[in-house]
Protein backbone atom coordinates (compact mmCIF):
# COMPACT_ATOMS: atom_id res chain seq x y z
CA MET A 1 -15.50 -79.20 80.03
CA GLN A 2 -17.01 -82.60 80.67
CA GLY A 3 -18.40 -83.36 84.08
CA MET A 4 -18.97 -79.75 85.11
CA PRO A 5 -21.70 -79.29 87.74
CA ASP A 6 -24.80 -77.18 87.19
CA PHE A 7 -23.66 -74.84 89.95
CA LEU A 8 -20.33 -73.95 91.54
CA SER A 9 -20.33 -71.72 94.62
CA LEU A 10 -17.56 -69.88 96.42
CA ASN A 11 -18.28 -69.37 100.09
CA GLY A 12 -16.56 -67.70 103.01
CA PRO A 13 -16.65 -64.63 105.27
CA ASP A 14 -16.46 -61.03 104.12
CA ASN A 15 -13.19 -59.96 102.47
CA VAL A 16 -11.88 -63.46 101.81
CA GLY A 17 -11.85 -62.92 98.04
CA LYS A 18 -15.01 -64.66 96.81
CA THR A 19 -15.91 -61.98 94.25
CA THR A 20 -12.36 -61.76 92.92
CA HIS A 21 -12.00 -65.51 92.45
CA LEU A 22 -15.47 -65.83 90.88
CA ARG A 23 -14.54 -63.14 88.37
CA ARG A 24 -11.29 -64.94 87.56
CA LEU A 25 -13.09 -68.28 87.24
CA ALA A 26 -15.52 -66.76 84.75
CA GLY A 27 -12.58 -65.88 82.53
CA HIS A 28 -11.31 -69.46 82.40
CA TRP A 29 -14.23 -70.97 80.50
CA CYS A 30 -17.11 -69.59 78.45
CA GLY A 31 -19.39 -72.23 79.98
CA PHE A 32 -19.29 -70.49 83.34
CA GLN A 33 -22.26 -68.17 83.91
CA PRO A 34 -21.75 -65.62 86.71
CA LEU A 35 -24.99 -65.44 88.71
CA GLY A 36 -23.85 -63.28 91.62
CA ALA A 37 -25.61 -62.99 94.96
CA VAL A 38 -29.17 -63.87 95.97
CA HIS A 39 -30.35 -60.28 96.48
CA GLU A 40 -29.59 -59.48 92.84
CA HIS A 41 -32.26 -61.96 91.71
CA ASP A 42 -34.96 -61.02 94.24
CA PRO A 43 -34.32 -57.31 94.92
CA GLU A 44 -37.74 -56.15 96.11
CA PRO A 45 -37.82 -57.69 99.62
CA TRP A 46 -34.19 -56.70 100.23
CA ALA A 47 -34.91 -53.14 99.14
CA ARG A 48 -37.82 -53.00 101.60
CA ALA A 49 -35.58 -54.30 104.38
CA ALA A 50 -32.97 -51.64 103.62
CA ALA A 51 -35.47 -48.79 103.26
CA GLU A 52 -34.91 -47.56 106.82
CA ASP A 53 -32.07 -49.17 108.79
CA TYR A 54 -30.83 -52.39 107.24
CA ALA A 55 -28.86 -53.50 110.30
CA THR A 56 -31.86 -52.93 112.57
CA TRP A 57 -34.07 -54.99 110.31
CA TRP A 58 -31.51 -57.77 110.00
CA PHE A 59 -30.49 -58.09 113.64
CA VAL A 60 -33.59 -56.85 115.48
CA LYS A 61 -36.82 -56.79 113.47
CA SER A 62 -36.52 -59.84 111.22
CA THR A 63 -37.32 -63.32 112.45
CA THR A 64 -35.10 -66.29 111.70
CA VAL A 65 -37.90 -67.80 109.62
CA GLU A 66 -38.28 -64.57 107.61
CA LEU A 67 -34.55 -64.11 107.00
CA THR A 68 -33.96 -67.75 106.05
CA ALA A 69 -36.97 -67.75 103.71
CA MET A 70 -35.75 -64.60 101.97
CA LEU A 71 -32.29 -66.05 101.46
CA LEU A 72 -33.68 -69.28 100.05
CA ALA A 73 -36.20 -67.51 97.80
CA GLY A 74 -33.40 -65.48 96.25
CA HIS A 75 -31.34 -68.66 95.89
CA ALA A 76 -34.16 -70.38 93.99
CA LYS A 77 -34.64 -67.43 91.63
CA ARG A 78 -30.90 -67.23 91.05
CA ALA A 79 -30.80 -70.93 90.15
CA ALA A 80 -33.67 -70.43 87.72
CA ALA A 81 -31.57 -67.86 85.85
CA ARG A 82 -28.97 -70.46 84.85
CA GLU A 83 -28.84 -71.10 81.12
CA ALA A 84 -29.05 -74.72 80.00
CA GLY A 85 -25.68 -76.35 79.53
CA ARG A 86 -23.75 -73.78 81.57
CA THR A 87 -22.33 -73.88 85.09
CA GLY A 88 -23.73 -71.12 87.27
CA LEU A 89 -21.15 -69.36 89.45
CA LEU A 90 -22.69 -68.47 92.83
CA ASP A 91 -21.48 -65.83 95.27
CA ARG A 92 -22.40 -67.74 98.46
CA GLY A 93 -24.22 -70.99 97.83
CA MET A 94 -26.76 -72.90 99.87
CA PRO A 95 -24.43 -73.97 102.73
CA MET A 96 -23.23 -70.37 103.18
CA LEU A 97 -26.78 -69.00 103.18
CA LEU A 98 -27.66 -71.40 105.99
CA ALA A 99 -24.48 -70.32 107.79
CA VAL A 100 -25.48 -66.65 107.51
CA ALA A 101 -28.95 -67.35 108.89
CA ALA A 102 -27.53 -69.51 111.69
CA ALA A 103 -24.90 -66.93 112.70
CA THR A 104 -27.60 -64.25 112.85
CA TYR A 105 -29.76 -66.53 115.00
CA VAL A 106 -26.86 -67.19 117.41
CA VAL A 107 -26.18 -63.46 117.84
CA LYS A 108 -29.84 -62.55 118.31
CA ASN A 109 -30.92 -65.43 120.55
CA GLY A 110 -27.78 -66.80 122.17
CA LEU A 111 -28.11 -70.32 120.79
CA THR A 112 -25.22 -72.69 120.27
CA VAL A 113 -23.90 -73.02 116.73
CA PRO A 114 -25.16 -76.64 116.28
CA LYS A 115 -28.63 -75.69 117.55
CA ALA A 116 -28.83 -72.67 115.26
CA LEU A 117 -27.73 -74.69 112.23
CA ALA A 118 -30.28 -77.38 113.03
CA THR A 119 -32.99 -74.74 113.35
CA VAL A 120 -32.32 -73.08 110.00
CA ALA A 121 -31.97 -76.49 108.33
CA GLY A 122 -35.41 -77.29 109.71
CA ILE A 123 -36.78 -74.04 108.28
CA ALA A 124 -35.29 -74.93 104.90
CA GLY A 125 -36.89 -78.34 105.28
CA SER A 126 -37.32 -80.51 102.22
CA ARG A 127 -37.82 -77.69 99.75
CA THR A 128 -36.16 -78.36 96.44
CA THR A 129 -32.83 -76.58 96.04
CA PRO A 130 -30.37 -77.02 93.19
CA PRO A 131 -27.35 -79.27 93.87
CA GLU A 132 -24.00 -77.51 93.75
CA THR A 133 -20.28 -77.98 94.13
CA ALA A 134 -19.45 -75.70 97.07
CA LEU A 135 -15.95 -74.48 97.91
CA LEU A 136 -15.24 -72.74 101.21
CA LEU A 137 -12.49 -70.11 101.35
CA LEU A 138 -11.21 -69.45 104.87
CA PRO A 139 -8.78 -66.66 105.87
CA SER A 140 -7.46 -69.03 108.54
CA LEU A 141 -8.45 -72.32 110.14
CA ASP A 142 -8.22 -70.55 113.52
CA PRO A 143 -11.43 -68.58 114.22
CA GLU A 144 -9.73 -65.69 116.02
CA ARG A 145 -7.11 -65.20 113.30
CA SER A 146 -9.76 -65.67 110.63
CA TYR A 147 -11.80 -62.80 112.04
CA ALA A 148 -8.74 -60.61 112.58
CA ILE A 149 -7.63 -61.02 108.96
CA THR A 150 -10.97 -60.14 107.40
CA SER A 151 -11.73 -57.27 109.78
CA ALA A 152 -8.34 -55.70 109.01
CA ARG A 153 -9.12 -55.90 105.28
CA GLU A 154 -12.35 -53.94 105.76
CA GLY A 155 -10.40 -50.68 105.98
CA ARG A 156 -12.69 -49.24 108.64
CA PRO A 157 -13.86 -50.57 112.01
CA TRP A 158 -16.93 -52.76 112.16
CA THR A 159 -19.33 -51.30 114.72
CA GLY A 160 -22.42 -52.24 116.68
CA ILE A 161 -23.44 -55.87 116.57
CA TYR A 162 -21.51 -56.56 113.37
CA PRO A 163 -18.21 -57.65 114.99
CA ALA A 164 -20.06 -60.24 117.10
CA TYR A 165 -21.92 -61.43 114.00
CA GLN A 166 -18.74 -61.75 111.96
CA LYS A 167 -16.94 -63.67 114.71
CA THR A 168 -19.92 -65.98 114.99
CA LEU A 169 -20.09 -66.46 111.23
CA HIS A 170 -16.44 -67.55 111.20
CA ALA A 171 -17.24 -70.05 113.95
CA VAL A 172 -20.26 -71.38 112.04
CA LEU A 173 -18.24 -71.81 108.84
CA LEU A 174 -15.50 -73.66 110.70
CA HIS A 175 -18.13 -75.88 112.32
CA GLN A 176 -19.57 -76.67 108.90
CA ALA A 177 -16.08 -77.37 107.54
CA GLY A 178 -15.48 -79.80 110.37
CA HIS A 179 -18.65 -81.66 109.40
CA ASN A 180 -17.78 -81.91 105.68
CA THR A 181 -20.56 -79.57 104.60
CA TYR A 182 -18.45 -78.20 101.74
CA THR A 183 -17.04 -80.03 98.76
CA ALA A 184 -13.61 -78.63 99.61
CA VAL A 185 -12.04 -76.13 102.02
CA VAL A 186 -9.28 -73.76 100.89
CA ASP A 187 -7.06 -72.33 103.65
CA CYS A 188 -5.98 -68.87 102.43
CA GLU A 189 -3.73 -67.90 105.33
CA ASP A 190 -0.31 -66.47 104.36
CA ARG A 191 -0.91 -67.15 100.66
CA THR A 192 -1.01 -64.87 97.64
CA PRO A 193 -4.26 -64.43 95.68
CA ASP A 194 -2.63 -66.21 92.72
CA ASP A 195 -1.71 -69.19 94.91
CA VAL A 196 -5.23 -69.37 96.34
CA HIS A 197 -6.76 -69.15 92.88
CA ALA A 198 -4.53 -71.96 91.63
CA GLU A 199 -5.87 -74.15 94.43
CA VAL A 200 -9.46 -73.13 93.64
CA LEU A 201 -8.90 -74.30 90.06
CA ASP A 202 -7.34 -77.54 91.29
CA ARG A 203 -10.22 -78.14 93.70
CA VAL A 204 -12.78 -77.55 90.96
CA GLY A 205 -11.00 -80.08 88.78
CA ASP A 206 -10.70 -82.60 91.62
CA HIS A 207 -14.43 -82.60 92.26
CA LEU A 208 -15.91 -82.47 88.78
CA SER A 209 -16.71 -86.17 88.87
CA ALA A 210 -17.67 -86.25 92.57
CA PRO A 211 -21.35 -86.28 93.59
CA PRO A 212 -22.40 -82.64 94.17
CA LEU A 213 -23.67 -81.43 97.50
CA LYS A 214 -27.43 -81.05 97.82
CA ASP A 215 -29.25 -78.75 100.27
CA GLY A 216 -25.98 -77.91 101.98
CA SER A 217 -25.90 -81.33 103.62
CA PRO A 218 -22.71 -83.09 104.69
CA ARG A 219 -21.50 -85.94 102.48
């Protein structure tokens, strides 16, 4: 396929279908290289974090600088695993990693979403990150419905701080979408997986010749 980007990421909250659609995308073209999530390429620090109580480390012990740096380090190693001439498929790209760090910061420190995003962007700074075409999958364009849909799909109740984090993450993603952070936004509400996947394919095709996003920045 001519004009394919070096990296294509699917982004969105838990249970929106990122893994399923990435797997289906990989079957459409041999030039796609599934690269998975950041922790798969830098497992040691994540294993240390999970050695005792992962949630405690994430939401209590870790600093925003530490968490953001770990996410970006894994992202860099994942990018380095791409084979020349292939398009790496990313489970959560750079904009989503910044959203995760920002949502965690909001929950832990009570910041506003714009302030948290600005803070994590400042931590990321000018470090070199691979450009990517980033698609955002949203369960709904309404934050309350979006959270309700994905929490119902979990199959068991989210407990502790996790519900607040997930609600905040949905708000952060919608904020990013409103500021054109993603190459395209796919509204998945009241649609079948096949219908959503057809739009994902259309969106990929629409943006093959468009300038890719870099560092998760708005166009």
